[in-house]
Amino acid sequence: MSSTTELTDVQRVLGQLRSSVGMLRSRYGNAAAVRRLSNDVERLEIDLAELSALPAPRREMNRGDTVMVPDTPYDPSLWRDADDEGVGGRQQH
């Protein structure tokens, strides 16, 4: 799913939420809980606008993408002076 589709979905749901909070306001008036919900919707709209202004995120790797890992041994010099985590340092004999 592309990020624009996700943003569009969130905008649609946020519009429904705003409408529902409006119905709650007509039923409960200016109750503190309704004011908090309304404030939360406004904060979500601000955050969504901020996300919409960001550059498109980098493409994540699909499960179908293949990463080749060589089966040849690594150069032992890569491990010189390395400790085995949780085991302690290597003993020089």
C-alpha atoms as a PDB file:
ATOM      1  CA  MET A   1       0.000   0.000   0.000  1.00  0.00           C
ATOM      2  CA  SER A   2       1.460   3.352  -0.937  1.00  0.00           C
ATOM      3  CA  SER A   3       1.805   6.119   1.607  1.00  0.00           C
ATOM      4  CA  THR A   4      -0.593   8.364  -0.364  1.00  0.00           C
ATOM      5  CA  THR A   5      -3.280   5.686  -0.136  1.00  0.00           C
ATOM      6  CA  GLU A   6      -2.654   5.349   3.591  1.00  0.00           C
ATOM      7  CA  LEU A   7      -2.848   9.116   4.061  1.00  0.00           C
ATOM      8  CA  THR A   8      -6.078   9.254   2.056  1.00  0.00           C
ATOM      9  CA  ASP A   9      -7.537   6.465   4.205  1.00  0.00           C
ATOM     10  CA  VAL A  10      -6.606   8.302   7.404  1.00  0.00           C
ATOM     11  CA  GLN A  11      -8.090  11.557   6.051  1.00  0.00           C
ATOM     12  CA  ARG A  12     -11.340   9.766   5.250  1.00  0.00           C
ATOM     13  CA  VAL A  13     -11.556   8.133   8.681  1.00  0.00           C
ATOM     14  CA  LEU A  14     -10.603  11.378  10.381  1.00  0.00           C
ATOM     15  CA  GLY A  15     -13.456  13.122   8.546  1.00  0.00           C
ATOM     16  CA  GLN A  16     -15.846  10.462   9.844  1.00  0.00           C
ATOM     17  CA  LEU A  17     -14.462  10.935  13.352  1.00  0.00           C
ATOM     18  CA  ARG A  18     -14.931  14.708  13.145  1.00  0.00           C
ATOM     19  CA  SER A  19     -18.536  14.148  12.062  1.00  0.00           C
ATOM     20  CA  SER A  20     -19.143  11.718  14.931  1.00  0.00           C
ATOM     21  CA  VAL A  21     -17.657  14.121  17.463  1.00  0.00           C
ATOM     22  CA  GLY A  22     -19.954  16.807  16.024  1.00  0.00           C
ATOM     23  CA  MET A  23     -22.939  14.541  16.689  1.00  0.00           C
ATOM     24  CA  LEU A  24     -21.713  14.006  20.246  1.00  0.00           C
ATOM     25  CA  ARG A  25     -21.447  17.787  20.676  1.00  0.00           C
ATOM     26  CA  SER A  26     -25.073  18.192  19.549  1.00  0.00           C
ATOM     27  CA  ARG A  27     -26.148  15.543  22.064  1.00  0.00           C
ATOM     28  CA  TYR A  28     -23.934  16.413  25.064  1.00  0.00           C
ATOM     29  CA  GLY A  29     -23.286  20.070  24.396  1.00  0.00           C
ATOM     30  CA  ASN A  30     -19.995  21.606  25.435  1.00  0.00           C
ATOM     31  CA  ALA A  31     -19.107  18.889  27.970  1.00  0.00           C
ATOM     32  CA  ALA A  32     -15.441  18.606  28.901  1.00  0.00           C
ATOM     33  CA  ALA A  33     -15.157  15.151  27.347  1.00  0.00           C
ATOM     34  CA  VAL A  34     -16.555  16.436  24.046  1.00  0.00           C
ATOM     35  CA  ARG A  35     -14.129  19.379  24.080  1.00  0.00           C
ATOM     36  CA  ARG A  36     -11.225  16.960  24.657  1.00  0.00           C
ATOM     37  CA  LEU A  37     -12.376  14.727  21.799  1.00  0.00           C
ATOM     38  CA  SER A  38     -12.686  17.742  19.531  1.00  0.00           C
ATOM     39  CA  ASN A  39      -9.197  18.871  20.555  1.00  0.00           C
ATOM     40  CA  ASP A  40      -7.844  15.376  19.839  1.00  0.00           C
ATOM     41  CA  VAL A  41      -9.374  15.417  16.348  1.00  0.00           C
ATOM     42  CA  GLU A  42      -7.753  18.788  15.669  1.00  0.00           C
ATOM     43  CA  ARG A  43      -4.373  17.463  16.843  1.00  0.00           C
ATOM     44  CA  LEU A  44      -4.743  14.437  14.571  1.00  0.00           C
ATOM     45  CA  GLU A  45      -5.526  16.715  11.639  1.00  0.00           C
ATOM     46  CA  ILE A  46      -2.409  18.798  12.380  1.00  0.00           C
ATOM     47  CA  ASP A  47      -0.253  15.665  12.568  1.00  0.00           C
ATOM     48  CA  LEU A  48      -1.741  14.298   9.348  1.00  0.00           C
ATOM     49  CA  ALA A  49      -1.049  17.581   7.547  1.00  0.00           C
ATOM     50  CA  GLU A  50       2.534  17.421   8.807  1.00  0.00           C
ATOM     51  CA  LEU A  51       2.920  13.857   7.533  1.00  0.00           C
ATOM     52  CA  SER A  52       1.436  14.821   4.169  1.00  0.00           C
ATOM     53  CA  ALA A  53       4.109  17.515   3.790  1.00  0.00           C
ATOM     54  CA  LEU A  54       6.998  15.087   4.376  1.00  0.00           C
ATOM     55  CA  PRO A  55       8.846  13.572   1.411  1.00  0.00           C
ATOM     56  CA  ALA A  56       7.739  10.101   0.404  1.00  0.00           C
ATOM     57  CA  PRO A  57       9.371   7.412   2.540  1.00  0.00           C
ATOM     58  CA  ARG A  58      11.946   5.102   1.051  1.00  0.00           C
ATOM     59  CA  ARG A  59      10.614   1.926  -0.465  1.00  0.00           C
ATOM     60  CA  GLU A  60      10.752  -0.963   1.945  1.00  0.00           C
ATOM     61  CA  MET A  61      12.063  -4.297   0.852  1.00  0.00           C
ATOM     62  CA  ASN A  62       9.380  -6.689  -0.361  1.00  0.00           C
ATOM     63  CA  ARG A  63       9.418 -10.298   0.701  1.00  0.00           C
ATOM     64  CA  GLY A  64      10.074 -11.166  -2.915  1.00  0.00           C
ATOM     65  CA  ASP A  65      13.336  -9.213  -3.002  1.00  0.00           C
ATOM     66  CA  THR A  66      16.305 -11.554  -2.834  1.00  0.00           C
ATOM     67  CA  VAL A  67      19.360 -10.760  -0.787  1.00  0.00           C
ATOM     68  CA  MET A  68      22.356 -12.807  -1.822  1.00  0.00           C
ATOM     69  CA  VAL A  69      24.471 -14.014   1.090  1.00  0.00           C
ATOM     70  CA  PRO A  70      27.703 -15.672  -0.006  1.00  0.00           C
ATOM     71  CA  ASP A  71      28.378 -19.133   1.336  1.00  0.00           C
ATOM     72  CA  THR A  72      32.127 -18.667   1.141  1.00  0.00           C
ATOM     73  CA  PRO A  73      33.902 -18.226   4.490  1.00  0.00           C
ATOM     74  CA  TYR A  74      34.492 -14.716   5.726  1.00  0.00           C
ATOM     75  CA  ASP A  75      38.022 -13.415   6.008  1.00  0.00           C
ATOM     76  CA  PRO A  76      39.148 -14.419   9.545  1.00  0.00           C
ATOM     77  CA  SER A  77      40.935 -11.076   9.936  1.00  0.00           C
ATOM     78  CA  LEU A  78      37.485  -9.463  10.176  1.00  0.00           C
ATOM     79  CA  TRP A  79      37.064 -11.125  13.557  1.00  0.00           C
ATOM     80  CA  ARG A  80      40.487 -10.268  14.977  1.00  0.00           C
ATOM     81  CA  ASP A  81      40.197  -8.632  18.425  1.00  0.00           C
ATOM     82  CA  ALA A  82      36.460  -9.355  18.538  1.00  0.00           C
ATOM     83  CA  ASP A  83      34.781 -10.726  21.648  1.00  0.00           C
ATOM     84  CA  ASP A  84      32.064 -13.330  21.625  1.00  0.00           C
ATOM     85  CA  GLU A  85      29.115 -11.502  23.125  1.00  0.00           C
ATOM     86  CA  GLY A  86      28.127 -13.050  26.421  1.00  0.00           C
ATOM     87  CA  VAL A  87      31.099 -15.424  26.448  1.00  0.00           C
ATOM     88  CA  GLY A  88      33.947 -13.028  27.080  1.00  0.00           C
ATOM     89  CA  GLY A  89      37.182 -12.439  25.244  1.00  0.00           C
ATOM     90  CA  ARG A  90      39.024 -15.084  23.310  1.00  0.00           C
ATOM     91  CA  GLN A  91      41.885 -16.691  25.107  1.00  0.00           C
ATOM     92  CA  GLN A  92      45.228 -16.459  23.349  1.00  0.00           C
ATOM     93  CA  HIS A  93      47.179 -19.713  23.748  1.00  0.00           C
END
